[in-house]
Amino acid sequence: MKTKKYVEELKAKDAAALHEDLVAAKKELFNLRFQNATNQLDNTARITEVRKNIARIQTVITEKSKAN
């Protein structure tokens, strides 16, 4: 149920805020990959979670652009 709440929060945001979230998520993914490559990452499942969140953000952006 956590993901439904997250998606609802995304849908409530405007396009500019969504793009900011997307940029932040991509930076986080880069940092996680860097930590993984240097064997500093403890929770490798976080990479998958961030990737799915990026996809969710992009989906909401696409839905909003097609609605207009």
PDB file of N, CA and C in Angstrom:
ATOM      1  N   MET A   1       0.810  -1.198   0.000  1.00  0.00           N
ATOM      2  CA  MET A   1       0.000   0.000   0.000  1.00  0.00           C
ATOM      3  C   MET A   1       0.856   1.266   0.000  1.00  0.00           C
ATOM      4  N   LYS A   2       2.117   1.114   0.315  1.00  0.00           N
ATOM      5  CA  LYS A   2       3.015   2.260   0.352  1.00  0.00           C
ATOM      6  C   LYS A   2       3.160   2.872  -1.041  1.00  0.00           C
ATOM      7  N   THR A   3       3.191   2.030  -2.065  1.00  0.00           N
ATOM      8  CA  THR A   3       3.380   2.554  -3.415  1.00  0.00           C
ATOM      9  C   THR A   3       2.151   3.322  -3.884  1.00  0.00           C
ATOM     10  N   LYS A   4       0.956   2.900  -3.492  1.00  0.00           N
ATOM     11  CA  LYS A   4      -0.251   3.630  -3.889  1.00  0.00           C
ATOM     12  C   LYS A   4      -0.230   5.037  -3.317  1.00  0.00           C
ATOM     13  N   LYS A   5       0.196   5.141  -2.074  1.00  0.00           N
ATOM     14  CA  LYS A   5       0.271   6.447  -1.428  1.00  0.00           C
ATOM     15  C   LYS A   5       1.308   7.319  -2.141  1.00  0.00           C
ATOM     16  N   TYR A   6       2.439   6.719  -2.522  1.00  0.00           N
ATOM     17  CA  TYR A   6       3.499   7.451  -3.212  1.00  0.00           C
ATOM     18  C   TYR A   6       3.002   7.965  -4.566  1.00  0.00           C
ATOM     19  N   VAL A   7       2.285   7.112  -5.299  1.00  0.00           N
ATOM     20  CA  VAL A   7       1.768   7.514  -6.613  1.00  0.00           C
ATOM     21  C   VAL A   7       0.722   8.619  -6.457  1.00  0.00           C
ATOM     22  N   GLU A   8      -0.113   8.525  -5.429  1.00  0.00           N
ATOM     23  CA  GLU A   8      -1.100   9.581  -5.187  1.00  0.00           C
ATOM     24  C   GLU A   8      -0.412  10.909  -4.889  1.00  0.00           C
ATOM     25  N   GLU A   9       0.676  10.852  -4.131  1.00  0.00           N
ATOM     26  CA  GLU A   9       1.439  12.068  -3.850  1.00  0.00           C
ATOM     27  C   GLU A   9       2.038  12.641  -5.128  1.00  0.00           C
ATOM     28  N   LEU A  10       2.509  11.770  -5.999  1.00  0.00           N
ATOM     29  CA  LEU A  10       3.076  12.238  -7.268  1.00  0.00           C
ATOM     30  C   LEU A  10       2.011  12.896  -8.133  1.00  0.00           C
ATOM     31  N   LYS A  11       0.828  12.296  -8.178  1.00  0.00           N
ATOM     32  CA  LYS A  11      -0.237  12.848  -9.008  1.00  0.00           C
ATOM     33  C   LYS A  11      -0.711  14.203  -8.510  1.00  0.00           C
ATOM     34  N   ALA A  12      -0.522  14.476  -7.231  1.00  0.00           N
ATOM     35  CA  ALA A  12      -0.940  15.765  -6.662  1.00  0.00           C
ATOM     36  C   ALA A  12       0.046  16.881  -7.001  1.00  0.00           C
ATOM     37  N   LYS A  13       1.251  16.541  -7.418  1.00  0.00           N
ATOM     38  CA  LYS A  13       2.273  17.548  -7.708  1.00  0.00           C
ATOM     39  C   LYS A  13       2.101  18.097  -9.120  1.00  0.00           C
ATOM     40  N   ASP A  14       2.663  19.296  -9.340  1.00  0.00           N
ATOM     41  CA  ASP A  14       2.637  19.872 -10.682  1.00  0.00           C
ATOM     42  C   ASP A  14       3.856  19.390 -11.471  1.00  0.00           C
ATOM     43  N   ALA A  15       3.905  19.768 -12.739  1.00  0.00           N
ATOM     44  CA  ALA A  15       4.942  19.255 -13.642  1.00  0.00           C
ATOM     45  C   ALA A  15       6.349  19.648 -13.191  1.00  0.00           C
ATOM     46  N   ALA A  16       6.518  20.863 -12.701  1.00  0.00           N
ATOM     47  CA  ALA A  16       7.846  21.326 -12.285  1.00  0.00           C
ATOM     48  C   ALA A  16       8.356  20.512 -11.093  1.00  0.00           C
ATOM     49  N   ALA A  17       7.474  20.249 -10.144  1.00  0.00           N
ATOM     50  CA  ALA A  17       7.870  19.461  -8.977  1.00  0.00           C
ATOM     51  C   ALA A  17       8.194  18.030  -9.373  1.00  0.00           C
ATOM     52  N   LEU A  18       7.463  17.501 -10.332  1.00  0.00           N
ATOM     53  CA  LEU A  18       7.734  16.138 -10.805  1.00  0.00           C
ATOM     54  C   LEU A  18       9.109  16.060 -11.463  1.00  0.00           C
ATOM     55  N   HIS A  19       9.440  17.073 -12.247  1.00  0.00           N
ATOM     56  CA  HIS A  19      10.755  17.083 -12.897  1.00  0.00           C
ATOM     57  C   HIS A  19      11.875  17.201 -11.858  1.00  0.00           C
ATOM     58  N   GLU A  20      11.646  17.975 -10.813  1.00  0.00           N
ATOM     59  CA  GLU A  20      12.639  18.079  -9.743  1.00  0.00           C
ATOM     60  C   GLU A  20      12.830  16.733  -9.052  1.00  0.00           C
ATOM     61  N   ASP A  21      11.714  16.040  -8.800  1.00  0.00           N
ATOM     62  CA  ASP A  21      11.791  14.713  -8.182  1.00  0.00           C
ATOM     63  C   ASP A  21      12.524  13.731  -9.084  1.00  0.00           C
ATOM     64  N   LEU A  22      12.274  13.841 -10.390  1.00  0.00           N
ATOM     65  CA  LEU A  22      12.921  12.949 -11.352  1.00  0.00           C
ATOM     66  C   LEU A  22      14.431  13.167 -11.358  1.00  0.00           C
ATOM     67  N   VAL A  23      14.848  14.412 -11.373  1.00  0.00           N
ATOM     68  CA  VAL A  23      16.280  14.730 -11.357  1.00  0.00           C
ATOM     69  C   VAL A  23      16.921  14.221 -10.071  1.00  0.00           C
ATOM     70  N   ALA A  24      16.244  14.429  -8.940  1.00  0.00           N
ATOM     71  CA  ALA A  24      16.777  13.978  -7.659  1.00  0.00           C
ATOM     72  C   ALA A  24      16.892  12.458  -7.617  1.00  0.00           C
ATOM     73  N   ALA A  25      15.898  11.762  -8.154  1.00  0.00           N
ATOM     74  CA  ALA A  25      15.922  10.296  -8.159  1.00  0.00           C
ATOM     75  C   ALA A  25      17.040   9.778  -9.059  1.00  0.00           C
ATOM     76  N   LYS A  26      17.258  10.424 -10.185  1.00  0.00           N
ATOM     77  CA  LYS A  26      18.335  10.000 -11.076  1.00  0.00           C
ATOM     78  C   LYS A  26      19.705  10.233 -10.444  1.00  0.00           C
ATOM     79  N   LYS A  27      19.853  11.329  -9.713  1.00  0.00           N
ATOM     80  CA  LYS A  27      21.115  11.578  -9.009  1.00  0.00           C
ATOM     81  C   LYS A  27      21.335  10.524  -7.932  1.00  0.00           C
ATOM     82  N   GLU A  28      20.251  10.182  -7.226  1.00  0.00           N
ATOM     83  CA  GLU A  28      20.362   9.164  -6.187  1.00  0.00           C
ATOM     84  C   GLU A  28      20.749   7.816  -6.793  1.00  0.00           C
ATOM     85  N   LEU A  29      20.159   7.491  -7.937  1.00  0.00           N
ATOM     86  CA  LEU A  29      20.491   6.229  -8.598  1.00  0.00           C
ATOM     87  C   LEU A  29      21.956   6.209  -9.009  1.00  0.00           C
ATOM     88  N   PHE A  30      22.448   7.334  -9.529  1.00  0.00           N
ATOM     89  CA  PHE A  30      23.861   7.414  -9.898  1.00  0.00           C
ATOM     90  C   PHE A  30      24.751   7.169  -8.686  1.00  0.00           C
ATOM     91  N   ASN A  31      24.412   7.819  -7.571  1.00  0.00           N
ATOM     92  CA  ASN A  31      25.213   7.656  -6.359  1.00  0.00           C
ATOM     93  C   ASN A  31      25.164   6.221  -5.846  1.00  0.00           C
ATOM     94  N   LEU A  32      23.985   5.600  -5.921  1.00  0.00           N
ATOM     95  CA  LEU A  32      23.871   4.210  -5.478  1.00  0.00           C
ATOM     96  C   LEU A  32      24.704   3.274  -6.353  1.00  0.00           C
ATOM     97  N   ARG A  33      24.673   3.512  -7.656  1.00  0.00           N
ATOM     98  CA  ARG A  33      25.480   2.677  -8.564  1.00  0.00           C
ATOM     99  C   ARG A  33      26.969   2.872  -8.282  1.00  0.00           C
ATOM    100  N   PHE A  34      27.355   4.103  -8.007  1.00  0.00           N
ATOM    101  CA  PHE A  34      28.757   4.387  -7.698  1.00  0.00           C
ATOM    102  C   PHE A  34      29.174   3.671  -6.419  1.00  0.00           C
ATOM    103  N   GLN A  35      28.319   3.730  -5.394  1.00  0.00           N
ATOM    104  CA  GLN A  35      28.616   3.043  -4.136  1.00  0.00           C
ATOM    105  C   GLN A  35      28.677   1.530  -4.346  1.00  0.00           C
ATOM    106  N   ASN A  36      27.811   1.012  -5.207  1.00  0.00           N
ATOM    107  CA  ASN A  36      27.797  -0.422  -5.471  1.00  0.00           C
ATOM    108  C   ASN A  36      29.083  -0.852  -6.175  1.00  0.00           C
ATOM    109  N   ALA A  37      29.554  -0.019  -7.090  1.00  0.00           N
ATOM    110  CA  ALA A  37      30.767  -0.357  -7.826  1.00  0.00           C
ATOM    111  C   ALA A  37      31.994  -0.342  -6.922  1.00  0.00           C
ATOM    112  N   THR A  38      31.964   0.493  -5.891  1.00  0.00           N
ATOM    113  CA  THR A  38      33.099   0.578  -4.977  1.00  0.00           C
ATOM    114  C   THR A  38      32.894  -0.264  -3.722  1.00  0.00           C
ATOM    115  N   ASN A  39      31.905  -1.124  -3.739  1.00  0.00           N
ATOM    116  CA  ASN A  39      31.587  -2.033  -2.621  1.00  0.00           C
ATOM    117  C   ASN A  39      31.310  -1.302  -1.314  1.00  0.00           C
ATOM    118  N   GLN A  40      30.666  -0.139  -1.386  1.00  0.00           N
ATOM    119  CA  GLN A  40      30.300   0.607  -0.190  1.00  0.00           C
ATOM    120  C   GLN A  40      28.808   0.531   0.094  1.00  0.00           C
ATOM    121  N   LEU A  41      28.042  -0.097  -0.809  1.00  0.00           N
ATOM    122  CA  LEU A  41      26.588  -0.121  -0.673  1.00  0.00           C
ATOM    123  C   LEU A  41      26.160  -1.324   0.153  1.00  0.00           C
ATOM    124  N   ASP A  42      25.406  -1.053   1.219  1.00  0.00           N
ATOM    125  CA  ASP A  42      24.919  -2.133   2.071  1.00  0.00           C
ATOM    126  C   ASP A  42      23.585  -2.685   1.581  1.00  0.00           C
ATOM    127  N   ASN A  43      22.653  -1.791   1.230  1.00  0.00           N
ATOM    128  CA  ASN A  43      21.318  -2.203   0.830  1.00  0.00           C
ATOM    129  C   ASN A  43      21.194  -2.138  -0.690  1.00  0.00           C
ATOM    130  N   THR A  44      21.483  -3.239  -1.369  1.00  0.00           N
ATOM    131  CA  THR A  44      21.439  -3.243  -2.830  1.00  0.00           C
ATOM    132  C   THR A  44      20.016  -3.206  -3.367  1.00  0.00           C
ATOM    133  N   ALA A  45      19.040  -3.533  -2.545  1.00  0.00           N
ATOM    134  CA  ALA A  45      17.641  -3.485  -2.983  1.00  0.00           C
ATOM    135  C   ALA A  45      17.193  -2.052  -3.233  1.00  0.00           C
ATOM    136  N   ARG A  46      17.902  -1.100  -2.660  1.00  0.00           N
ATOM    137  CA  ARG A  46      17.558   0.313  -2.841  1.00  0.00           C
ATOM    138  C   ARG A  46      17.693   0.727  -4.296  1.00  0.00           C
ATOM    139  N   ILE A  47      18.617   0.116  -5.040  1.00  0.00           N
ATOM    140  CA  ILE A  47      18.790   0.436  -6.465  1.00  0.00           C
ATOM    141  C   ILE A  47      17.501   0.112  -7.215  1.00  0.00           C
ATOM    142  N   THR A  48      16.956  -1.058  -6.970  1.00  0.00           N
ATOM    143  CA  THR A  48      15.717  -1.470  -7.634  1.00  0.00           C
ATOM    144  C   THR A  48      14.564  -0.558  -7.250  1.00  0.00           C
ATOM    145  N   GLU A  49      14.506  -0.198  -5.990  1.00  0.00           N
ATOM    146  CA  GLU A  49      13.437   0.681  -5.511  1.00  0.00           C
ATOM    147  C   GLU A  49      13.503   2.049  -6.190  1.00  0.00           C
ATOM    148  N   VAL A  50      14.695   2.599  -6.315  1.00  0.00           N
ATOM    149  CA  VAL A  50      14.853   3.907  -6.945  1.00  0.00           C
ATOM    150  C   VAL A  50      14.520   3.831  -8.430  1.00  0.00           C
ATOM    151  N   ARG A  51      14.918   2.744  -9.086  1.00  0.00           N
ATOM    152  CA  ARG A  51      14.601   2.575 -10.509  1.00  0.00           C
ATOM    153  C   ARG A  51      13.092   2.537 -10.725  1.00  0.00           C
ATOM    154  N   LYS A  52      12.387   1.841  -9.850  1.00  0.00           N
ATOM    155  CA  LYS A  52      10.926   1.765  -9.972  1.00  0.00           C
ATOM    156  C   LYS A  52      10.285   3.122  -9.681  1.00  0.00           C
ATOM    157  N   ASN A  53      10.850   3.863  -8.730  1.00  0.00           N
ATOM    158  CA  ASN A  53      10.321   5.192  -8.445  1.00  0.00           C
ATOM    159  C   ASN A  53      10.524   6.129  -9.633  1.00  0.00           C
ATOM    160  N   ILE A  54      11.645   6.008 -10.323  1.00  0.00           N
ATOM    161  CA  ILE A  54      11.893   6.811 -11.528  1.00  0.00           C
ATOM    162  C   ILE A  54      10.837   6.485 -12.572  1.00  0.00           C
ATOM    163  N   ALA A  55      10.547   5.209 -12.750  1.00  0.00           N
ATOM    164  CA  ALA A  55       9.527   4.801 -13.722  1.00  0.00           C
ATOM    165  C   ALA A  55       8.157   5.338 -13.329  1.00  0.00           C
ATOM    166  N   ARG A  56       7.851   5.324 -12.030  1.00  0.00           N
ATOM    167  CA  ARG A  56       6.562   5.852 -11.568  1.00  0.00           C
ATOM    168  C   ARG A  56       6.456   7.348 -11.853  1.00  0.00           C
ATOM    169  N   ILE A  57       7.538   8.073 -11.588  1.00  0.00           N
ATOM    170  CA  ILE A  57       7.534   9.518 -11.833  1.00  0.00           C
ATOM    171  C   ILE A  57       7.347   9.790 -13.317  1.00  0.00           C
ATOM    172  N   GLN A  58       8.062   9.065 -14.161  1.00  0.00           N
ATOM    173  CA  GLN A  58       7.941   9.263 -15.600  1.00  0.00           C
ATOM    174  C   GLN A  58       6.544   8.920 -16.095  1.00  0.00           C
ATOM    175  N   THR A  59       5.922   7.915 -15.510  1.00  0.00           N
ATOM    176  CA  THR A  59       4.569   7.542 -15.890  1.00  0.00           C
ATOM    177  C   THR A  59       3.580   8.656 -15.560  1.00  0.00           C
ATOM    178  N   VAL A  60       3.710   9.236 -14.371  1.00  0.00           N
ATOM    179  CA  VAL A  60       2.813  10.322 -13.976  1.00  0.00           C
ATOM    180  C   VAL A  60       3.030  11.541 -14.869  1.00  0.00           C
ATOM    181  N   ILE A  61       4.285  11.832 -15.213  1.00  0.00           N
ATOM    182  CA  ILE A  61       4.579  12.951 -16.112  1.00  0.00           C
ATOM    183  C   ILE A  61       3.899  12.736 -17.467  1.00  0.00           C
ATOM    184  N   THR A  62       3.991  11.516 -17.981  1.00  0.00           N
ATOM    185  CA  THR A  62       3.376  11.198 -19.270  1.00  0.00           C
ATOM    186  C   THR A  62       1.862  11.303 -19.191  1.00  0.00           C
ATOM    187  N   GLU A  63       1.268  10.809 -18.114  1.00  0.00           N
ATOM    188  CA  GLU A  63      -0.182  10.902 -17.945  1.00  0.00           C
ATOM    189  C   GLU A  63      -0.630  12.365 -17.925  1.00  0.00           C
ATOM    190  N   LYS A  64       0.112  13.201 -17.216  1.00  0.00           N
ATOM    191  CA  LYS A  64      -0.252  14.608 -17.121  1.00  0.00           C
ATOM    192  C   LYS A  64      -0.105  15.322 -18.472  1.00  0.00           C
ATOM    193  N   SER A  65       0.925  14.954 -19.227  1.00  0.00           N
ATOM    194  CA  SER A  65       1.122  15.618 -20.513  1.00  0.00           C
ATOM    195  C   SER A  65       0.050  15.194 -21.530  1.00  0.00           C
ATOM    196  N   LYS A  66      -0.403  13.945 -21.436  1.00  0.00           N
ATOM    197  CA  LYS A  66      -1.444  13.492 -22.362  1.00  0.00           C
ATOM    198  C   LYS A  66      -2.817  14.013 -21.968  1.00  0.00           C
ATOM    199  N   ALA A  67      -3.002  14.336 -20.697  1.00  0.00           N
ATOM    200  CA  ALA A  67      -4.281  14.857 -20.232  1.00  0.00           C
ATOM    201  C   ALA A  67      -4.503  16.287 -20.722  1.00  0.00           C
ATOM    202  N   ASN A  68      -3.417  17.022 -20.944  1.00  0.00           N
ATOM    203  CA  ASN A  68      -3.541  18.426 -21.374  1.00  0.00           C
ATOM    204  C   ASN A  68      -3.710  18.561 -22.833  1.00  0.00           C
TER     205      ASN A  68
END
